[in-house]
Amino acid sequence: MEVAAITNNNFDTEVLQSKRPVVIEFWTEGCKPCQALGRAIRQYSDKVKIATCNVDESPELASKYGIGGIPSLLFIKNGEVVDEAVGYMNDISEAEVSAKVEAMLAD
């Protein structure tokens, strides 16, 4: 199960040019909900590419995509954002993440 660490330098190659749909988790160190969500989304690595972006290390990407809270997920297919989710447990459940992944794959 490979997880791509996304930075400003590799975003185009790893995400926008990816042949597989991509789920990006925007996170930061010490964020307990981020850790839980990161573990939860890895179960989909056989269906989509999983990527992570530390917002402290790549604030430009977070700003570009309007990331205001963490954890945040972007669902990207063919270089375009097709869905998003913010938060974990209180805001979005694993079932909702699963439904968003399946919807992205169904198109």
PDB file of N, CA and C in Angstrom:
ATOM      1  N   MET A   1       0.843  -1.168   0.000  1.00  0.00           N
ATOM      2  CA  MET A   1       0.000   0.000   0.000  1.00  0.00           C
ATOM      3  C   MET A   1       0.891   1.234   0.000  1.00  0.00           C
ATOM      4  N   GLU A   2       1.029   1.826  -1.135  1.00  0.00           N
ATOM      5  CA  GLU A   2       1.871   3.009  -1.290  1.00  0.00           C
ATOM      6  C   GLU A   2       1.044   4.273  -1.089  1.00  0.00           C
ATOM      7  N   VAL A   3       1.595   5.191  -0.340  1.00  0.00           N
ATOM      8  CA  VAL A   3       0.972   6.488  -0.125  1.00  0.00           C
ATOM      9  C   VAL A   3       1.956   7.539  -0.609  1.00  0.00           C
ATOM     10  N   ALA A   4       1.505   8.388  -1.514  1.00  0.00           N
ATOM     11  CA  ALA A   4       2.371   9.427  -2.067  1.00  0.00           C
ATOM     12  C   ALA A   4       2.328  10.659  -1.184  1.00  0.00           C
ATOM     13  N   ALA A   5       3.488  11.146  -0.789  1.00  0.00           N
ATOM     14  CA  ALA A   5       3.583  12.405  -0.040  1.00  0.00           C
ATOM     15  C   ALA A   5       3.639  13.535  -1.059  1.00  0.00           C
ATOM     16  N   ILE A   6       2.639  14.392  -1.036  1.00  0.00           N
ATOM     17  CA  ILE A   6       2.495  15.445  -2.034  1.00  0.00           C
ATOM     18  C   ILE A   6       3.124  16.747  -1.541  1.00  0.00           C
ATOM     19  N   THR A   7       3.876  17.374  -2.433  1.00  0.00           N
ATOM     20  CA  THR A   7       4.473  18.683  -2.178  1.00  0.00           C
ATOM     21  C   THR A   7       4.204  19.556  -3.395  1.00  0.00           C
ATOM     22  N   ASN A   8       4.590  20.809  -3.318  1.00  0.00           N
ATOM     23  CA  ASN A   8       4.471  21.692  -4.477  1.00  0.00           C
ATOM     24  C   ASN A   8       5.248  21.138  -5.663  1.00  0.00           C
ATOM     25  N   ASN A   9       6.382  20.486  -5.384  1.00  0.00           N
ATOM     26  CA  ASN A   9       7.259  20.013  -6.454  1.00  0.00           C
ATOM     27  C   ASN A   9       6.715  18.816  -7.215  1.00  0.00           C
ATOM     28  N   ASN A  10       5.932  17.955  -6.570  1.00  0.00           N
ATOM     29  CA  ASN A  10       5.489  16.743  -7.261  1.00  0.00           C
ATOM     30  C   ASN A  10       3.978  16.679  -7.473  1.00  0.00           C
ATOM     31  N   PHE A  11       3.256  17.735  -7.148  1.00  0.00           N
ATOM     32  CA  PHE A  11       1.797  17.717  -7.230  1.00  0.00           C
ATOM     33  C   PHE A  11       1.303  17.408  -8.642  1.00  0.00           C
ATOM     34  N   ASP A  12       1.840  18.086  -9.631  1.00  0.00           N
ATOM     35  CA  ASP A  12       1.379  17.856 -11.004  1.00  0.00           C
ATOM     36  C   ASP A  12       1.580  16.406 -11.424  1.00  0.00           C
ATOM     37  N   THR A  13       2.756  15.872 -11.174  1.00  0.00           N
ATOM     38  CA  THR A  13       3.061  14.502 -11.576  1.00  0.00           C
ATOM     39  C   THR A  13       2.245  13.480 -10.798  1.00  0.00           C
ATOM     40  N   GLU A  14       2.215  13.618  -9.489  1.00  0.00           N
ATOM     41  CA  GLU A  14       1.562  12.619  -8.633  1.00  0.00           C
ATOM     42  C   GLU A  14       0.043  12.701  -8.643  1.00  0.00           C
ATOM     43  N   VAL A  15      -0.507  13.882  -8.856  1.00  0.00           N
ATOM     44  CA  VAL A  15      -1.954  14.051  -8.749  1.00  0.00           C
ATOM     45  C   VAL A  15      -2.591  14.384 -10.090  1.00  0.00           C
ATOM     46  N   LEU A  16      -2.234  15.508 -10.674  1.00  0.00           N
ATOM     47  CA  LEU A  16      -2.916  15.959 -11.880  1.00  0.00           C
ATOM     48  C   LEU A  16      -2.695  15.043 -13.079  1.00  0.00           C
ATOM     49  N   GLN A  17      -1.532  14.401 -13.148  1.00  0.00           N
ATOM     50  CA  GLN A  17      -1.233  13.519 -14.267  1.00  0.00           C
ATOM     51  C   GLN A  17      -1.451  12.044 -13.939  1.00  0.00           C
ATOM     52  N   SER A  18      -1.985  11.748 -12.771  1.00  0.00           N
ATOM     53  CA  SER A  18      -2.198  10.364 -12.361  1.00  0.00           C
ATOM     54  C   SER A  18      -3.238   9.691 -13.248  1.00  0.00           C
ATOM     55  N   LYS A  19      -2.965   8.472 -13.642  1.00  0.00           N
ATOM     56  CA  LYS A  19      -3.910   7.678 -14.436  1.00  0.00           C
ATOM     57  C   LYS A  19      -5.042   7.159 -13.559  1.00  0.00           C
ATOM     58  N   ARG A  20      -4.773   7.031 -12.251  1.00  0.00           N
ATOM     59  CA  ARG A  20      -5.780   6.554 -11.297  1.00  0.00           C
ATOM     60  C   ARG A  20      -6.423   7.750 -10.596  1.00  0.00           C
ATOM     61  N   PRO A  21      -7.669   7.615 -10.181  1.00  0.00           N
ATOM     62  CA  PRO A  21      -8.263   8.648  -9.328  1.00  0.00           C
ATOM     63  C   PRO A  21      -7.430   8.777  -8.047  1.00  0.00           C
ATOM     64  N   VAL A  22      -7.418   9.974  -7.475  1.00  0.00           N
ATOM     65  CA  VAL A  22      -6.575  10.254  -6.315  1.00  0.00           C
ATOM     66  C   VAL A  22      -7.425  10.797  -5.169  1.00  0.00           C
ATOM     67  N   VAL A  23      -7.169  10.306  -3.967  1.00  0.00           N
ATOM     68  CA  VAL A  23      -7.739  10.889  -2.755  1.00  0.00           C
ATOM     69  C   VAL A  23      -6.574  11.508  -2.001  1.00  0.00           C
ATOM     70  N   ILE A  24      -6.632  12.835  -1.808  1.00  0.00           N
ATOM     71  CA  ILE A  24      -5.570  13.540  -1.083  1.00  0.00           C
ATOM     72  C   ILE A  24      -6.093  13.916   0.299  1.00  0.00           C
ATOM     73  N   GLU A  25      -5.322  13.571   1.310  1.00  0.00           N
ATOM     74  CA  GLU A  25      -5.630  14.016   2.655  1.00  0.00           C
ATOM     75  C   GLU A  25      -4.714  15.176   3.001  1.00  0.00           C
ATOM     76  N   PHE A  26      -5.296  16.301   3.341  1.00  0.00           N
ATOM     77  CA  PHE A  26      -4.546  17.451   3.842  1.00  0.00           C
ATOM     78  C   PHE A  26      -4.532  17.328   5.362  1.00  0.00           C
ATOM     79  N   TRP A  27      -3.349  17.372   5.942  1.00  0.00           N
ATOM     80  CA  TRP A  27      -3.167  17.091   7.362  1.00  0.00           C
ATOM     81  C   TRP A  27      -2.029  17.916   7.936  1.00  0.00           C
ATOM     82  N   THR A  28      -1.807  17.767   9.234  1.00  0.00           N
ATOM     83  CA  THR A  28      -0.665  18.377   9.895  1.00  0.00           C
ATOM     84  C   THR A  28      -0.235  17.493  11.065  1.00  0.00           C
ATOM     85  N   GLU A  29       1.008  17.663  11.490  1.00  0.00           N
ATOM     86  CA  GLU A  29       1.534  16.899  12.621  1.00  0.00           C
ATOM     87  C   GLU A  29       0.704  17.145  13.871  1.00  0.00           C
ATOM     88  N   GLY A  30       0.522  16.112  14.659  1.00  0.00           N
ATOM     89  CA  GLY A  30      -0.166  16.241  15.933  1.00  0.00           C
ATOM     90  C   GLY A  30      -1.680  16.281  15.845  1.00  0.00           C
ATOM     91  N   CYS A  31      -2.236  16.172  14.670  1.00  0.00           N
ATOM     92  CA  CYS A  31      -3.688  16.209  14.478  1.00  0.00           C
ATOM     93  C   CYS A  31      -4.234  14.781  14.615  1.00  0.00           C
ATOM     94  N   LYS A  32      -4.845  14.480  15.744  1.00  0.00           N
ATOM     95  CA  LYS A  32      -5.369  13.127  16.003  1.00  0.00           C
ATOM     96  C   LYS A  32      -6.444  12.728  14.988  1.00  0.00           C
ATOM     97  N   PRO A  33      -7.410  13.599  14.659  1.00  0.00           N
ATOM     98  CA  PRO A  33      -8.380  13.218  13.627  1.00  0.00           C
ATOM     99  C   PRO A  33      -7.709  12.930  12.280  1.00  0.00           C
ATOM    100  N   CYS A  34      -6.623  13.641  11.978  1.00  0.00           N
ATOM    101  CA  CYS A  34      -5.889  13.390  10.731  1.00  0.00           C
ATOM    102  C   CYS A  34      -5.307  11.981  10.736  1.00  0.00           C
ATOM    103  N   GLN A  35      -4.746  11.584  11.855  1.00  0.00           N
ATOM    104  CA  GLN A  35      -4.159  10.242  11.959  1.00  0.00           C
ATOM    105  C   GLN A  35      -5.224   9.173  11.755  1.00  0.00           C
ATOM    106  N   ALA A  36      -6.385   9.359  12.367  1.00  0.00           N
ATOM    107  CA  ALA A  36      -7.467   8.388  12.237  1.00  0.00           C
ATOM    108  C   ALA A  36      -7.986   8.335  10.800  1.00  0.00           C
ATOM    109  N   LEU A  37      -8.174   9.499  10.199  1.00  0.00           N
ATOM    110  CA  LEU A  37      -8.667   9.537   8.825  1.00  0.00           C
ATOM    111  C   LEU A  37      -7.644   8.947   7.875  1.00  0.00           C
ATOM    112  N   GLY A  38      -6.367   9.243   8.105  1.00  0.00           N
ATOM    113  CA  GLY A  38      -5.307   8.688   7.261  1.00  0.00           C
ATOM    114  C   GLY A  38      -5.334   7.168   7.252  1.00  0.00           C
ATOM    115  N   ARG A  39      -5.529   6.580   8.420  1.00  0.00           N
ATOM    116  CA  ARG A  39      -5.630   5.110   8.489  1.00  0.00           C
ATOM    117  C   ARG A  39      -6.876   4.620   7.764  1.00  0.00           C
ATOM    118  N   ALA A  40      -7.977   5.335   7.909  1.00  0.00           N
ATOM    119  CA  ALA A  40      -9.242   4.923   7.311  1.00  0.00           C
ATOM    120  C   ALA A  40      -9.203   4.961   5.780  1.00  0.00           C
ATOM    121  N   ILE A  41      -8.588   5.989   5.212  1.00  0.00           N
ATOM    122  CA  ILE A  41      -8.598   6.078   3.739  1.00  0.00           C
ATOM    123  C   ILE A  41      -7.637   5.101   3.084  1.00  0.00           C
ATOM    124  N   ARG A  42      -6.663   4.618   3.815  1.00  0.00           N
ATOM    125  CA  ARG A  42      -5.709   3.672   3.232  1.00  0.00           C
ATOM    126  C   ARG A  42      -6.361   2.363   2.809  1.00  0.00           C
ATOM    127  N   GLN A  43      -7.521   2.060   3.337  1.00  0.00           N
ATOM    128  CA  GLN A  43      -8.220   0.842   2.937  1.00  0.00           C
ATOM    129  C   GLN A  43      -8.682   0.884   1.475  1.00  0.00           C
ATOM    130  N   TYR A  44      -8.655   2.056   0.873  1.00  0.00           N
ATOM    131  CA  TYR A  44      -9.077   2.199  -0.520  1.00  0.00           C
ATOM    132  C   TYR A  44      -7.908   2.215  -1.502  1.00  0.00           C
ATOM    133  N   SER A  45      -6.713   1.923  -1.008  1.00  0.00           N
ATOM    134  CA  SER A  45      -5.521   2.027  -1.857  1.00  0.00           C
ATOM    135  C   SER A  45      -5.522   1.035  -3.017  1.00  0.00           C
ATOM    136  N   ASP A  46      -6.344   0.001  -2.953  1.00  0.00           N
ATOM    137  CA  ASP A  46      -6.434  -0.917  -4.084  1.00  0.00           C
ATOM    138  C   ASP A  46      -7.332  -0.354  -5.188  1.00  0.00           C
ATOM    139  N   LYS A  47      -8.121   0.684  -4.868  1.00  0.00           N
ATOM    140  CA  LYS A  47      -9.051   1.268  -5.829  1.00  0.00           C
ATOM    141  C   LYS A  47      -8.595   2.616  -6.363  1.00  0.00           C
ATOM    142  N   VAL A  48      -7.952   3.410  -5.498  1.00  0.00           N
ATOM    143  CA  VAL A  48      -7.520   4.754  -5.870  1.00  0.00           C
ATOM    144  C   VAL A  48      -6.119   4.999  -5.334  1.00  0.00           C
ATOM    145  N   LYS A  49      -5.485   6.006  -5.857  1.00  0.00           N
ATOM    146  CA  LYS A  49      -4.183   6.418  -5.349  1.00  0.00           C
ATOM    147  C   LYS A  49      -4.421   7.265  -4.101  1.00  0.00           C
ATOM    148  N   ILE A  50      -3.713   6.948  -3.035  1.00  0.00           N
ATOM    149  CA  ILE A  50      -3.822   7.699  -1.790  1.00  0.00           C
ATOM    150  C   ILE A  50      -2.615   8.629  -1.696  1.00  0.00           C
ATOM    151  N   ALA A  51      -2.888   9.894  -1.402  1.00  0.00           N
ATOM    152  CA  ALA A  51      -1.823  10.882  -1.277  1.00  0.00           C
ATOM    153  C   ALA A  51      -2.066  11.715  -0.021  1.00  0.00           C
ATOM    154  N   THR A  52      -0.994  12.228   0.542  1.00  0.00           N
ATOM    155  CA  THR A  52      -1.103  13.091   1.711  1.00  0.00           C
ATOM    156  C   THR A  52      -0.347  14.385   1.449  1.00  0.00           C
ATOM    157  N   CYS A  53      -0.856  15.467   2.027  1.00  0.00           N
ATOM    158  CA  CYS A  53      -0.203  16.764   1.895  1.00  0.00           C
ATOM    159  C   CYS A  53      -0.187  17.431   3.260  1.00  0.00           C
ATOM    160  N   ASN A  54       1.010  17.619   3.798  1.00  0.00           N
ATOM    161  CA  ASN A  54       1.174  18.305   5.070  1.00  0.00           C
ATOM    162  C   ASN A  54       1.001  19.801   4.816  1.00  0.00           C
ATOM    163  N   VAL A  55      -0.046  20.384   5.380  1.00  0.00           N
ATOM    164  CA  VAL A  55      -0.344  21.796   5.099  1.00  0.00           C
ATOM    165  C   VAL A  55       0.700  22.745   5.668  1.00  0.00           C
ATOM    166  N   ASP A  56       1.437  22.302   6.690  1.00  0.00           N
ATOM    167  CA  ASP A  56       2.500  23.145   7.233  1.00  0.00           C
ATOM    168  C   ASP A  56       3.690  23.219   6.280  1.00  0.00           C
ATOM    169  N   GLU A  57       3.907  22.156   5.516  1.00  0.00           N
ATOM    170  CA  GLU A  57       5.034  22.101   4.590  1.00  0.00           C
ATOM    171  C   GLU A  57       4.673  22.598   3.194  1.00  0.00           C
ATOM    172  N   SER A  58       3.398  22.561   2.841  1.00  0.00           N
ATOM    173  CA  SER A  58       2.942  23.001   1.514  1.00  0.00           C
ATOM    174  C   SER A  58       1.706  23.887   1.644  1.00  0.00           C
ATOM    175  N   PRO A  59       1.837  25.033   2.316  1.00  0.00           N
ATOM    176  CA  PRO A  59       0.666  25.887   2.511  1.00  0.00           C
ATOM    177  C   PRO A  59       0.091  26.432   1.209  1.00  0.00           C
ATOM    178  N   GLU A  60       0.912  26.531   0.169  1.00  0.00           N
ATOM    179  CA  GLU A  60       0.424  27.030  -1.119  1.00  0.00           C
ATOM    180  C   GLU A  60      -0.638  26.112  -1.705  1.00  0.00           C
ATOM    181  N   LEU A  61      -0.417  24.792  -1.588  1.00  0.00           N
ATOM    182  CA  LEU A  61      -1.403  23.841  -2.111  1.00  0.00           C
ATOM    183  C   LEU A  61      -2.702  23.921  -1.322  1.00  0.00           C
ATOM    184  N   ALA A  62      -2.579  24.013  -0.008  1.00  0.00           N
ATOM    185  CA  ALA A  62      -3.777  24.133   0.825  1.00  0.00           C
ATOM    186  C   ALA A  62      -4.557  25.386   0.448  1.00  0.00           C
ATOM    187  N   SER A  63      -3.865  26.480   0.234  1.00  0.00           N
ATOM    188  CA  SER A  63      -4.509  27.729  -0.146  1.00  0.00           C
ATOM    189  C   SER A  63      -5.138  27.622  -1.532  1.00  0.00           C
ATOM    190  N   LYS A  64      -4.419  27.051  -2.468  1.00  0.00           N
ATOM    191  CA  LYS A  64      -4.906  26.922  -3.842  1.00  0.00           C
ATOM    192  C   LYS A  64      -6.227  26.166  -3.901  1.00  0.00           C
ATOM    193  N   TYR A  65      -6.382  25.153  -3.041  1.00  0.00           N
ATOM    194  CA  TYR A  65      -7.582  24.336  -3.048  1.00  0.00           C
ATOM    195  C   TYR A  65      -8.572  24.716  -1.950  1.00  0.00           C
ATOM    196  N   GLY A  66      -8.344  25.853  -1.308  1.00  0.00           N
ATOM    197  CA  GLY A  66      -9.290  26.370  -0.342  1.00  0.00           C
ATOM    198  C   GLY A  66      -9.432  25.532   0.914  1.00  0.00           C
ATOM    199  N   ILE A  67      -8.353  24.883   1.312  1.00  0.00           N
ATOM    200  CA  ILE A  67      -8.389  24.051   2.511  1.00  0.00           C
ATOM    201  C   ILE A  67      -8.386  24.957   3.734  1.00  0.00           C
ATOM    202  N   GLY A  68      -9.493  24.953   4.459  1.00  0.00           N
ATOM    203  CA  GLY A  68      -9.616  25.819   5.620  1.00  0.00           C
ATOM    204  C   GLY A  68      -9.558  25.066   6.933  1.00  0.00           C
ATOM    205  N   GLY A  69      -9.826  23.770   6.886  1.00  0.00           N
ATOM    206  CA  GLY A  69      -9.803  22.944   8.084  1.00  0.00           C
ATOM    207  C   GLY A  69      -9.146  21.619   7.788  1.00  0.00           C
ATOM    208  N   ILE A  70      -8.623  21.018   8.838  1.00  0.00           N
ATOM    209  CA  ILE A  70      -8.009  19.717   8.662  1.00  0.00           C
ATOM    210  C   ILE A  70      -8.615  18.739   9.660  1.00  0.00           C
ATOM    211  N   PRO A  71      -8.667  17.483   9.311  1.00  0.00           N
ATOM    212  CA  PRO A  71      -8.285  16.930   8.022  1.00  0.00           C
ATOM    213  C   PRO A  71      -9.298  17.298   6.931  1.00  0.00           C
ATOM    214  N   SER A  72      -8.800  17.378   5.722  1.00  0.00           N
ATOM    215  CA  SER A  72      -9.636  17.599   4.543  1.00  0.00           C
ATOM    216  C   SER A  72      -9.239  16.594   3.482  1.00  0.00           C
ATOM    217  N   LEU A  73     -10.212  16.144   2.735  1.00  0.00           N
ATOM    218  CA  LEU A  73      -9.964  15.230   1.622  1.00  0.00           C
ATOM    219  C   LEU A  73     -10.394  15.891   0.327  1.00  0.00           C
ATOM    220  N   LEU A  74      -9.587  15.692  -0.707  1.00  0.00           N
ATOM    221  CA  LEU A  74      -9.983  16.051  -2.070  1.00  0.00           C
ATOM    222  C   LEU A  74     -10.017  14.770  -2.881  1.00  0.00           C
ATOM    223  N   PHE A  75     -11.059  14.621  -3.664  1.00  0.00           N
ATOM    224  CA  PHE A  75     -11.212  13.472  -4.549  1.00  0.00           C
ATOM    225  C   PHE A  75     -10.974  14.000  -5.959  1.00  0.00           C
ATOM    226  N   ILE A  76      -9.893  13.538  -6.600  1.00  0.00           N
ATOM    227  CA  ILE A  76      -9.482  14.084  -7.890  1.00  0.00           C
ATOM    228  C   ILE A  76      -9.466  12.978  -8.939  1.00  0.00           C
ATOM    229  N   LYS A  77     -10.116  13.270 -10.056  1.00  0.00           N
ATOM    230  CA  LYS A  77     -10.167  12.323 -11.165  1.00  0.00           C
ATOM    231  C   LYS A  77      -9.855  13.081 -12.447  1.00  0.00           C
ATOM    232  N   ASN A  78      -8.939  12.546 -13.232  1.00  0.00           N
ATOM    233  CA  ASN A  78      -8.521  13.187 -14.477  1.00  0.00           C
ATOM    234  C   ASN A  78      -8.078  14.630 -14.253  1.00  0.00           C
ATOM    235  N   GLY A  79      -7.407  14.861 -13.132  1.00  0.00           N
ATOM    236  CA  GLY A  79      -6.855  16.176 -12.841  1.00  0.00           C
ATOM    237  C   GLY A  79      -7.853  17.191 -12.309  1.00  0.00           C
ATOM    238  N   GLU A  80      -9.104  16.787 -12.104  1.00  0.00           N
ATOM    239  CA  GLU A  80     -10.149  17.695 -11.641  1.00  0.00           C
ATOM    240  C   GLU A  80     -10.686  17.252 -10.287  1.00  0.00           C
ATOM    241  N   VAL A  81     -10.955  18.220  -9.413  1.00  0.00           N
ATOM    242  CA  VAL A  81     -11.587  17.911  -8.131  1.00  0.00           C
ATOM    243  C   VAL A  81     -13.044  17.567  -8.401  1.00  0.00           C
ATOM    244  N   VAL A  82     -13.445  16.349  -7.989  1.00  0.00           N
ATOM    245  CA  VAL A  82     -14.822  15.916  -8.205  1.00  0.00           C
ATOM    246  C   VAL A  82     -15.630  15.893  -6.910  1.00  0.00           C
ATOM    247  N   ASP A  83     -14.948  15.943  -5.775  1.00  0.00           N
ATOM    248  CA  ASP A  83     -15.638  15.961  -4.491  1.00  0.00           C
ATOM    249  C   ASP A  83     -14.647  16.353  -3.407  1.00  0.00           C
ATOM    250  N   GLU A  84     -15.165  16.642  -2.230  1.00  0.00           N
ATOM    251  CA  GLU A  84     -14.304  16.976  -1.107  1.00  0.00           C
ATOM    252  C   GLU A  84     -15.025  16.636   0.189  1.00  0.00           C
ATOM    253  N   ALA A  85     -14.271  16.570   1.254  1.00  0.00           N
ATOM    254  CA  ALA A  85     -14.825  16.311   2.582  1.00  0.00           C
ATOM    255  C   ALA A  85     -13.904  16.962   3.598  1.00  0.00           C
ATOM    256  N   VAL A  86     -14.505  17.501   4.659  1.00  0.00           N
ATOM    257  CA  VAL A  86     -13.728  18.162   5.703  1.00  0.00           C
ATOM    258  C   VAL A  86     -14.101  17.550   7.040  1.00  0.00           C
ATOM    259  N   GLY A  87     -13.085  17.248   7.832  1.00  0.00           N
ATOM    260  CA  GLY A  87     -13.315  16.743   9.170  1.00  0.00           C
ATOM    261  C   GLY A  87     -13.331  15.230   9.235  1.00  0.00           C
ATOM    262  N   TYR A  88     -13.512  14.737  10.437  1.00  0.00           N
ATOM    263  CA  TYR A  88     -13.577  13.302  10.646  1.00  0.00           C
ATOM    264  C   TYR A  88     -14.433  13.021  11.857  1.00  0.00           C
ATOM    265  N   MET A  89     -15.209  12.005  11.802  1.00  0.00           N
ATOM    266  CA  MET A  89     -16.118  11.551  12.836  1.00  0.00           C
ATOM    267  C   MET A  89     -17.273  12.527  13.041  1.00  0.00           C
ATOM    268  N   ASN A  90     -17.009  13.753  13.434  1.00  0.00           N
ATOM    269  CA  ASN A  90     -18.097  14.701  13.652  1.00  0.00           C
ATOM    270  C   ASN A  90     -18.676  15.205  12.336  1.00  0.00           C
ATOM    271  N   ASP A  91     -17.847  15.292  11.311  1.00  0.00           N
ATOM    272  CA  ASP A  91     -18.277  15.897  10.057  1.00  0.00           C
ATOM    273  C   ASP A  91     -18.468  14.908   8.915  1.00  0.00           C
ATOM    274  N   ILE A  92     -17.679  13.871   8.886  1.00  0.00           N
ATOM    275  CA  ILE A  92     -17.776  12.889   7.805  1.00  0.00           C
ATOM    276  C   ILE A  92     -17.424  11.510   8.356  1.00  0.00           C
ATOM    277  N   SER A  93     -18.214  10.540   7.996  1.00  0.00           N
ATOM    278  CA  SER A  93     -18.005   9.184   8.490  1.00  0.00           C
ATOM    279  C   SER A  93     -17.241   8.352   7.461  1.00  0.00           C
ATOM    280  N   GLU A  94     -16.772   7.205   7.898  1.00  0.00           N
ATOM    281  CA  GLU A  94     -16.103   6.296   6.965  1.00  0.00           C
ATOM    282  C   GLU A  94     -17.057   5.870   5.860  1.00  0.00           C
ATOM    283  N   ALA A  95     -18.343   5.715   6.187  1.00  0.00           N
ATOM    284  CA  ALA A  95     -19.332   5.341   5.175  1.00  0.00           C
ATOM    285  C   ALA A  95     -19.451   6.419   4.097  1.00  0.00           C
ATOM    286  N   GLU A  96     -19.383   7.681   4.505  1.00  0.00           N
ATOM    287  CA  GLU A  96     -19.440   8.774   3.530  1.00  0.00           C
ATOM    288  C   GLU A  96     -18.200   8.791   2.650  1.00  0.00           C
ATOM    289  N   VAL A  97     -17.036   8.544   3.244  1.00  0.00           N
ATOM    290  CA  VAL A  97     -15.800   8.480   2.461  1.00  0.00           C
ATOM    291  C   VAL A  97     -15.907   7.344   1.449  1.00  0.00           C
ATOM    292  N   SER A  98     -16.383   6.199   1.897  1.00  0.00           N
ATOM    293  CA  SER A  98     -16.559   5.052   1.000  1.00  0.00           C
ATOM    294  C   SER A  98     -17.489   5.397  -0.156  1.00  0.00           C
ATOM    295  N   ALA A  99     -18.595   6.063   0.153  1.00  0.00           N
ATOM    296  CA  ALA A  99     -19.551   6.438  -0.889  1.00  0.00           C
ATOM    297  C   ALA A  99     -18.926   7.408  -1.886  1.00  0.00           C
ATOM    298  N   LYS A 100     -18.100   8.339  -1.408  1.00  0.00           N
ATOM    299  CA  LYS A 100     -17.452   9.302  -2.299  1.00  0.00           C
ATOM    300  C   LYS A 100     -16.434   8.609  -3.203  1.00  0.00           C
ATOM    301  N   VAL A 101     -15.688   7.637  -2.656  1.00  0.00           N
ATOM    302  CA  VAL A 101     -14.732   6.874  -3.468  1.00  0.00           C
ATOM    303  C   VAL A 101     -15.485   6.084  -4.538  1.00  0.00           C
ATOM    304  N   GLU A 102     -16.536   5.399  -4.140  1.00  0.00           N
ATOM    305  CA  GLU A 102     -17.313   4.603  -5.099  1.00  0.00           C
ATOM    306  C   GLU A 102     -17.943   5.474  -6.181  1.00  0.00           C
ATOM    307  N   ALA A 103     -18.443   6.647  -5.807  1.00  0.00           N
ATOM    308  CA  ALA A 103     -19.020   7.557  -6.791  1.00  0.00           C
ATOM    309  C   ALA A 103     -17.964   8.031  -7.785  1.00  0.00           C
ATOM    310  N   MET A 104     -16.765   8.303  -7.280  1.00  0.00           N
ATOM    311  CA  MET A 104     -15.686   8.752  -8.154  1.00  0.00           C
ATOM    312  C   MET A 104     -15.312   7.652  -9.146  1.00  0.00           C
ATOM    313  N   LEU A 105     -15.331   6.406  -8.702  1.00  0.00           N
ATOM    314  CA  LEU A 105     -14.978   5.282  -9.565  1.00  0.00           C
ATOM    315  C   LEU A 105     -16.081   4.935 -10.563  1.00  0.00           C
ATOM    316  N   ALA A 106     -17.313   5.266 -10.232  1.00  0.00           N
ATOM    317  CA  ALA A 106     -18.449   4.918 -11.086  1.00  0.00           C
ATOM    318  C   ALA A 106     -18.519   5.763 -12.348  1.00  0.00           C
ATOM    319  N   ASP A 107     -17.967   6.957 -12.306  1.00  0.00           N
ATOM    320  CA  ASP A 107     -18.036   7.862 -13.469  1.00  0.00           C
ATOM    321  C   ASP A 107     -17.236   7.350 -14.626  1.00  0.00           C
TER     322      ASP A 107
END
